[in-house]
């Protein structure tokens, strides 16, 4: 039988009494999170790879908002941002948290793959686990500070009774709109955080999964999404932030296109009826400020310099100014143009449009 030393006991007591580290979520991710790479190694979370995720991450501790809603295509770094949020909670604000996946099976896979790698490859985070096998199972991770990370799925039992400061819902639009007839996953999750008042937070990240309810709807604001249930409805209730990119030719900022009308094709045929050579031919992004044609080689630089602009805001001298709408949620909608996973123009046949087609929500495609 072994016993703890006085030094180790004092060290653990000091850990529990340490003051909160006052940094942003993105800064915590940069300091403490390492992500698994395809080569089998790991590398620090790098905001330059997904610059569009920095502001949504930092809004997660902005007490003006009850929730953060992020709608974006697959492979845009949403999982890395979620792990960055967990890194912040574990190291800067030890509190109970839950990650809600679309099913028990997906929750288990997330825990066994993404979370296991996070703790193994991020020394600071791995050191926060107690080391006891009973404290580190598939659906619960207990840390030395006493806070628990729950990995759950949409069921009444999972979303009832517990008081949890931070709730994160991933792929919400792949869940049912009502959990066993008791309410939406979002509202049930948000209810768990209410005890913490403005310090509690609910995070939703998803790609849109529901059809538009009114294809003929006329938008009231350029940032508005068409009417649809799920995360899109939450986005429209929030600040409605859209990503604006600087034109490398005229220097003006313009909003990312959400359909093919924002591109100039080498042919004038309908894209779906184009031949393969036409479909992979050279395509330019159109700067809607002055009509400049932009080659895909500018994509990464434009993405790094892009800005999130809320409804009610505007860009002046490279800064966002104006008064954003008064809303309970900070909401963001990213189209496929800036997506990190389609950064290589060569792999896409030098085509912006293929990037958009690969990642853009189908519910926003032009309709007859």
Protein backbone atom coordinates (compact mmCIF):
# COMPACT_ATOMS: atom_id res chain seq x y z
CA UNK A 1 0.00 0.00 0.00
CA UNK A 2 1.30 3.46 -0.90
CA UNK A 3 0.46 6.76 0.72
CA UNK A 4 0.40 10.29 -0.63
CA UNK A 5 3.26 12.53 0.43
CA UNK A 6 2.75 15.81 2.23
CA UNK A 7 4.19 17.61 -0.79
CA UNK A 8 1.68 16.06 -3.20
CA UNK A 9 -1.21 16.83 -0.84
CA UNK A 10 -0.14 20.49 -0.55
CA UNK A 11 0.20 20.67 -4.33
CA UNK A 12 -3.33 19.39 -4.89
CA UNK A 13 -4.77 21.73 -2.24
CA UNK A 14 -2.99 24.66 -3.90
CA UNK A 15 -4.42 23.59 -7.27
CA UNK A 16 -7.98 23.75 -5.95
CA UNK A 17 -7.42 27.20 -4.45
CA UNK A 18 -5.74 28.80 -7.46
CA UNK A 19 -7.41 31.89 -8.96
CA UNK A 20 -9.18 31.74 -12.30
CA UNK A 21 -6.97 32.47 -15.31
CA UNK A 22 -8.51 35.50 -17.03
CA UNK A 23 -7.90 34.84 -20.71
CA UNK A 24 -10.17 34.34 -23.69
CA UNK A 25 -11.33 30.95 -24.94
CA UNK A 26 -9.12 31.18 -28.05
CA UNK A 27 -6.09 32.09 -25.90
CA UNK A 28 -6.75 29.09 -23.66
CA UNK A 29 -6.94 26.88 -26.74
CA UNK A 30 -3.63 28.22 -28.03
CA UNK A 31 -1.93 27.66 -24.67
CA UNK A 32 -3.33 24.32 -23.65
CA UNK A 33 -4.85 22.41 -26.60
CA UNK A 34 -3.01 20.12 -28.99
CA UNK A 35 -4.90 18.53 -31.87
CA UNK A 36 -4.29 15.14 -33.42
CA UNK A 37 -2.87 15.25 -36.96
CA UNK A 38 -3.35 12.87 -39.88
CA UNK A 39 0.29 11.82 -39.57
CA UNK A 40 -0.36 10.43 -36.10
CA UNK A 41 1.29 13.26 -34.18
CA UNK A 42 -0.18 16.40 -32.67
CA UNK A 43 0.17 20.14 -33.03
CA UNK A 44 -1.01 23.19 -31.05
CA UNK A 45 -4.40 24.59 -31.96
CA UNK A 46 -3.62 27.34 -34.47
CA UNK A 47 -6.10 30.21 -34.96
CA UNK A 48 -4.52 31.02 -38.34
CA UNK A 49 -5.91 27.77 -39.77
CA UNK A 50 -9.51 28.60 -38.83
CA UNK A 51 -9.49 32.37 -38.16
CA UNK A 52 -13.26 32.54 -38.49
CA UNK A 53 -13.65 30.42 -35.31
CA UNK A 54 -11.83 32.86 -33.00
CA UNK A 55 -14.67 35.34 -32.44
CA UNK A 56 -17.40 32.70 -31.91
CA UNK A 57 -15.12 30.94 -29.40
CA UNK A 58 -14.46 34.14 -27.47
CA UNK A 59 -18.17 34.98 -27.37
CA UNK A 60 -18.67 31.83 -25.28
CA UNK A 61 -17.67 33.77 -22.16
CA UNK A 62 -19.36 37.04 -23.15
CA UNK A 63 -22.00 37.55 -20.46
CA UNK A 64 -24.19 39.63 -22.76
CA UNK A 65 -25.35 36.46 -24.51
CA UNK A 66 -27.19 33.39 -23.26
CA UNK A 67 -25.92 31.21 -26.09
CA UNK A 68 -23.61 31.10 -29.09
CA UNK A 69 -24.99 29.62 -32.33
CA UNK A 70 -22.55 28.63 -35.09
CA UNK A 71 -23.84 27.33 -38.43
CA UNK A 72 -21.22 26.15 -40.86
CA UNK A 73 -20.41 23.37 -43.32
CA UNK A 74 -18.54 20.21 -42.43
CA UNK A 75 -14.77 20.25 -42.00
CA UNK A 76 -14.47 23.87 -40.94
CA UNK A 77 -12.75 23.31 -37.59
CA UNK A 78 -15.89 23.21 -35.48
CA UNK A 79 -14.65 20.20 -33.48
CA UNK A 80 -11.35 21.95 -32.78
CA UNK A 81 -13.26 24.98 -31.52
CA UNK A 82 -15.39 22.75 -29.28
CA UNK A 83 -12.27 21.14 -27.82
CA UNK A 84 -10.83 24.63 -27.34
CA UNK A 85 -13.91 25.55 -25.32
CA UNK A 86 -13.39 22.45 -23.16
CA UNK A 87 -9.73 23.39 -22.72
CA UNK A 88 -10.85 26.79 -21.41
CA UNK A 89 -13.34 25.23 -18.98
CA UNK A 90 -10.83 22.69 -17.64
CA UNK A 91 -7.93 25.12 -17.16
CA UNK A 92 -9.52 28.54 -16.60
CA UNK A 93 -12.98 28.01 -15.14
CA UNK A 94 -13.30 24.50 -13.66
CA UNK A 95 -17.04 23.92 -13.87
CA UNK A 96 -19.39 21.11 -14.77
CA UNK A 97 -20.01 20.88 -18.51
CA UNK A 98 -21.81 18.60 -20.94
CA UNK A 99 -21.22 17.86 -24.61
CA UNK A 100 -24.45 16.65 -26.21
CA UNK A 101 -24.10 14.47 -29.31
CA UNK A 102 -26.82 13.32 -31.70
CA UNK A 103 -26.93 9.74 -30.31
CA UNK A 104 -25.43 7.56 -27.61
CA UNK A 105 -23.29 5.84 -30.22
CA UNK A 106 -21.90 9.13 -31.56
CA UNK A 107 -21.33 10.38 -28.01
CA UNK A 108 -19.30 7.28 -27.23
CA UNK A 109 -17.22 7.63 -30.39
CA UNK A 110 -16.53 11.30 -29.63
CA UNK A 111 -15.34 10.37 -26.14
CA UNK A 112 -13.19 7.42 -27.25
CA UNK A 113 -11.63 9.28 -30.16
CA UNK A 114 -11.59 13.07 -29.83
CA UNK A 115 -11.58 13.41 -26.05
CA UNK A 116 -9.11 10.58 -25.50
CA UNK A 117 -6.71 12.19 -27.96
CA UNK A 118 -7.23 15.62 -26.41
CA UNK A 119 -6.28 14.44 -22.93
CA UNK A 120 -3.42 12.26 -24.20
CA UNK A 121 -1.80 14.81 -26.49
CA UNK A 122 -2.43 17.99 -24.44
CA UNK A 123 -0.21 17.62 -21.33
CA UNK A 124 -1.91 20.41 -19.39
CA UNK A 125 -5.35 18.90 -19.91
CA UNK A 126 -4.25 15.32 -19.27
CA UNK A 127 -2.68 16.40 -15.97
CA UNK A 128 -6.09 17.65 -14.81
CA UNK A 129 -7.62 14.16 -14.78
CA UNK A 130 -7.57 12.50 -11.36
CA UNK A 131 -5.89 9.36 -12.63
CA UNK A 132 -8.52 7.11 -11.04
CA UNK A 133 -10.14 4.71 -13.48
CA UNK A 134 -13.57 5.30 -11.92
CA UNK A 135 -13.23 9.02 -12.68
CA UNK A 136 -12.42 8.52 -16.36
CA UNK A 137 -15.08 6.52 -18.16
CA UNK A 138 -16.70 6.94 -21.56
CA UNK A 139 -19.47 9.32 -20.54
CA UNK A 140 -17.97 11.11 -17.50
CA UNK A 141 -14.57 12.72 -16.94
CA UNK A 142 -13.84 13.95 -13.40
CA UNK A 143 -10.97 16.40 -12.92
CA UNK A 144 -8.75 17.21 -9.96
CA UNK A 145 -10.65 20.43 -9.34
CA UNK A 146 -13.82 18.35 -8.86
CA UNK A 147 -15.58 19.49 -12.04
CA UNK A 148 -17.13 16.85 -14.27
CA UNK A 149 -17.34 16.73 -18.05
CA UNK A 150 -20.42 14.76 -19.14
CA UNK A 151 -20.80 13.33 -22.64
CA UNK A 152 -24.47 12.86 -23.39
CA UNK A 153 -27.15 12.48 -26.04
CA UNK A 154 -30.68 13.88 -26.48
CA UNK A 155 -32.88 12.06 -24.00
CA UNK A 156 -35.16 13.32 -21.26
CA UNK A 157 -33.02 11.67 -18.58
CA UNK A 158 -29.83 13.26 -19.91
CA UNK A 159 -31.34 16.74 -20.10
CA UNK A 160 -33.31 16.81 -16.86
CA UNK A 161 -32.38 17.44 -13.26
CA UNK A 162 -28.70 18.30 -13.61
CA UNK A 163 -27.43 21.84 -13.01
CA UNK A 164 -24.60 22.43 -15.46
CA UNK A 165 -22.81 25.68 -16.19
CA UNK A 166 -21.68 24.97 -19.75
CA UNK A 167 -23.71 23.05 -22.33
CA UNK A 168 -22.38 22.32 -25.81
CA UNK A 169 -24.61 20.79 -28.49
CA UNK A 170 -22.86 19.40 -31.55
CA UNK A 171 -24.68 18.62 -34.81
CA UNK A 172 -27.97 19.82 -33.34
CA UNK A 173 -29.78 19.69 -36.67
CA UNK A 174 -29.22 15.93 -36.76
CA UNK A 175 -31.34 15.62 -33.61
CA UNK A 176 -35.09 15.52 -33.30
CA UNK A 177 -36.81 18.89 -32.90
CA UNK A 178 -38.37 17.56 -29.69
CA UNK A 179 -36.72 15.31 -27.10
CA UNK A 180 -39.30 12.67 -26.18
CA UNK A 181 -42.03 15.29 -26.48
CA UNK A 182 -40.58 17.46 -23.69
CA UNK A 183 -39.02 20.25 -25.74
CA UNK A 184 -36.21 21.09 -28.12
CA UNK A 185 -32.65 19.97 -27.30
CA UNK A 186 -31.58 23.63 -27.20
CA UNK A 187 -34.22 24.82 -24.74
CA UNK A 188 -33.76 21.79 -22.50
CA UNK A 189 -29.99 22.27 -22.51
CA UNK A 190 -30.27 25.99 -21.82
CA UNK A 191 -32.53 25.25 -18.87
CA UNK A 192 -29.66 23.37 -17.21
CA UNK A 193 -27.52 26.55 -17.17
CA UNK A 194 -30.10 29.00 -15.78
CA UNK A 195 -28.96 28.71 -12.16
CA UNK A 196 -25.71 30.40 -13.20
CA UNK A 197 -27.57 33.40 -14.67
CA UNK A 198 -25.33 35.34 -17.11
CA UNK A 199 -22.34 33.09 -16.39
CA UNK A 200 -24.05 30.00 -17.76
CA UNK A 201 -23.70 29.35 -21.47
CA UNK A 202 -25.10 27.10 -24.20
CA UNK A 203 -23.13 26.49 -27.38
CA UNK A 204 -24.64 25.12 -30.59
CA UNK A 205 -22.53 24.12 -33.58
CA UNK A 206 -24.03 22.40 -36.58
CA UNK A 207 -24.50 22.36 -40.30
CA UNK A 208 -28.12 23.08 -41.26
CA UNK A 209 -30.23 19.98 -41.60
CA UNK A 210 -33.83 21.08 -42.10
CA UNK A 211 -35.62 22.19 -45.24
CA UNK A 212 -36.71 25.77 -45.79
CA UNK A 213 -40.35 26.16 -44.79
CA UNK A 214 -41.07 28.99 -47.25
CA UNK A 215 -38.87 29.04 -50.40
CA UNK A 216 -40.56 32.26 -51.57
CA UNK A 217 -39.80 34.15 -48.36
CA UNK A 218 -38.37 37.65 -48.91
CA UNK A 219 -35.40 38.41 -46.67
CA UNK A 220 -35.75 41.44 -44.43
CA UNK A 221 -31.98 41.80 -43.96
CA UNK A 222 -29.01 40.67 -46.10
CA UNK A 223 -27.70 38.60 -43.16
CA UNK A 224 -30.97 36.80 -42.53
CA UNK A 225 -31.27 33.08 -43.28
CA UNK A 226 -34.39 31.66 -44.91
CA UNK A 227 -37.04 30.36 -42.51
CA UNK A 228 -36.26 26.85 -41.27
CA UNK A 229 -36.51 25.04 -37.94
CA UNK A 230 -33.59 24.05 -35.77
CA UNK A 231 -30.35 26.02 -35.65
CA UNK A 232 -31.34 28.32 -38.52
CA UNK A 233 -34.26 29.63 -36.47
CA UNK A 234 -31.88 30.27 -33.55
CA UNK A 235 -29.46 32.07 -35.88
CA UNK A 236 -32.23 34.42 -37.00
CA UNK A 237 -33.05 35.19 -33.35
CA UNK A 238 -29.43 36.17 -32.67
CA UNK A 239 -26.97 38.79 -33.84
CA UNK A 240 -26.92 37.31 -37.38
CA UNK A 241 -23.18 37.69 -38.02
CA UNK A 242 -21.92 37.04 -41.54
CA UNK A 243 -18.31 36.80 -42.69
CA UNK A 244 -16.95 39.64 -44.84
CA UNK A 245 -13.77 39.23 -46.90
CA UNK A 246 -11.40 41.93 -48.19
CA UNK A 247 -10.98 42.10 -51.94
CA UNK A 248 -7.25 41.78 -52.82
CA UNK A 249 -7.74 44.13 -55.77
CA UNK A 250 -9.85 47.06 -54.58
CA UNK A 251 -9.46 46.56 -50.81
CA UNK A 252 -13.19 46.76 -50.11
CA UNK A 253 -14.92 44.21 -47.88
CA UNK A 254 -17.83 42.17 -49.20
CA UNK A 255 -20.04 39.45 -47.73
CA UNK A 256 -19.27 35.82 -48.50
CA UNK A 257 -21.68 34.50 -51.14
CA UNK A 258 -24.18 31.89 -50.06
CA UNK A 259 -24.96 30.58 -53.55
CA UNK A 260 -23.44 30.35 -57.03
CA UNK A 261 -24.50 33.87 -57.99
CA UNK A 262 -21.34 35.10 -56.24
CA UNK A 263 -19.09 33.45 -58.84
CA UNK A 264 -18.03 34.13 -62.41
CA UNK A 265 -17.85 30.97 -64.51
CA UNK A 266 -15.83 30.37 -67.65
CA UNK A 267 -19.10 29.32 -69.30
CA UNK A 268 -22.68 30.54 -69.18
CA UNK A 269 -24.37 27.17 -68.78
CA UNK A 270 -26.18 26.00 -65.69
CA UNK A 271 -23.63 24.40 -63.37
CA UNK A 272 -25.61 21.18 -63.02
CA UNK A 273 -25.71 20.79 -66.79
CA UNK A 274 -22.06 21.69 -67.41
CA UNK A 275 -19.55 19.20 -68.74
CA UNK A 276 -16.76 17.96 -66.48
CA UNK A 277 -14.12 20.23 -68.13
CA UNK A 278 -16.49 23.18 -67.66
CA UNK A 279 -17.29 22.30 -64.06
CA UNK A 280 -13.62 22.10 -63.05
CA UNK A 281 -12.54 25.03 -65.19
CA UNK A 282 -11.34 28.33 -63.83
CA UNK A 283 -13.91 30.12 -61.70
CA UNK A 284 -13.56 33.47 -60.01
CA UNK A 285 -15.15 34.84 -56.86
CA UNK A 286 -16.92 38.13 -57.55
CA UNK A 287 -16.20 41.10 -55.30
CA UNK A 288 -19.68 42.53 -54.95
CA UNK A 289 -18.27 45.90 -53.88
CA UNK A 290 -16.68 46.74 -57.23
CA UNK A 291 -17.07 43.68 -59.45
CA UNK A 292 -13.43 42.52 -59.24
CA UNK A 293 -12.76 38.90 -60.22
CA UNK A 294 -10.75 37.08 -57.55
CA UNK A 295 -8.60 34.02 -58.17
CA UNK A 296 -8.71 31.14 -55.62
CA UNK A 297 -5.02 31.69 -54.82
CA UNK A 298 -6.09 34.62 -52.60
CA UNK A 299 -8.38 32.49 -50.45
CA UNK A 300 -6.20 31.93 -47.37
CA UNK A 301 -5.06 35.55 -47.08
CA UNK A 302 -8.62 36.77 -47.49
CA UNK A 303 -9.88 34.33 -44.87
CA UNK A 304 -7.28 35.44 -42.32
CA UNK A 305 -8.21 39.09 -42.86
CA UNK A 306 -11.97 38.48 -42.83
CA UNK A 307 -14.32 40.07 -40.29
CA UNK A 308 -17.59 39.01 -38.69
CA UNK A 309 -20.22 41.71 -39.13
CA UNK A 310 -23.50 41.53 -37.17
CA UNK A 311 -26.84 42.77 -38.41
CA UNK A 312 -26.75 46.50 -37.72
CA UNK A 313 -22.98 46.68 -38.13
CA UNK A 314 -20.76 47.83 -40.99
CA UNK A 315 -17.07 48.05 -41.84
CA UNK A 316 -15.23 51.36 -41.81
CA UNK A 317 -11.45 51.63 -42.23
CA UNK A 318 -11.05 47.90 -41.71
CA UNK A 319 -13.00 47.87 -38.41
CA UNK A 320 -16.51 46.77 -37.54
CA UNK A 321 -18.59 49.70 -36.28
CA UNK A 322 -22.26 50.34 -35.61
CA UNK A 323 -24.72 48.93 -33.13
CA UNK A 324 -25.50 45.21 -33.40
CA UNK A 325 -29.11 44.24 -32.89
CA UNK A 326 -30.17 43.58 -29.31
CA UNK A 327 -30.41 39.78 -29.22
CA UNK A 328 -30.09 36.99 -26.63
CA UNK A 329 -27.75 34.91 -28.79
CA UNK A 330 -24.49 35.59 -30.59
CA UNK A 331 -25.14 33.84 -33.91
CA UNK A 332 -22.82 33.13 -36.84
CA UNK A 333 -23.32 31.70 -40.32
CA UNK A 334 -20.28 30.62 -42.33
CA UNK A 335 -20.57 29.53 -45.97
CA UNK A 336 -18.09 27.25 -47.73
CA UNK A 337 -15.86 29.95 -49.23
CA UNK A 338 -13.60 30.27 -46.16
CA UNK A 339 -13.74 26.62 -45.11
CA UNK A 340 -10.29 25.41 -44.04
CA UNK A 341 -10.84 21.89 -45.41
CA UNK A 342 -11.01 23.18 -48.98
CA UNK A 343 -7.99 25.47 -48.77
CA UNK A 344 -6.12 23.85 -51.66
CA UNK A 345 -7.26 25.35 -54.96
CA UNK A 346 -5.21 22.78 -56.88
CA UNK A 347 -7.09 19.91 -55.26
CA UNK A 348 -10.34 21.59 -56.27
CA UNK A 349 -9.44 22.11 -59.90
CA UNK A 350 -8.79 25.83 -59.31
CA UNK A 351 -12.45 26.37 -58.56
CA UNK A 352 -14.03 28.53 -55.86
CA UNK A 353 -17.41 27.17 -56.88
CA UNK A 354 -16.48 23.57 -56.20
CA UNK A 355 -15.49 24.67 -52.71
CA UNK A 356 -18.89 26.24 -52.25
CA UNK A 357 -20.67 23.22 -53.73
CA UNK A 358 -18.71 20.92 -51.42
CA UNK A 359 -19.61 22.76 -48.25
CA UNK A 360 -22.52 25.17 -48.71
CA UNK A 361 -25.93 24.41 -47.16
CA UNK A 362 -28.23 22.94 -49.79
CA UNK A 363 -31.22 24.84 -48.45
CA UNK A 364 -29.74 28.09 -49.74
CA UNK A 365 -29.21 27.05 -53.36
CA UNK A 366 -31.08 29.15 -55.94
CA UNK A 367 -34.62 27.99 -56.57
CA UNK A 368 -36.72 28.41 -59.74
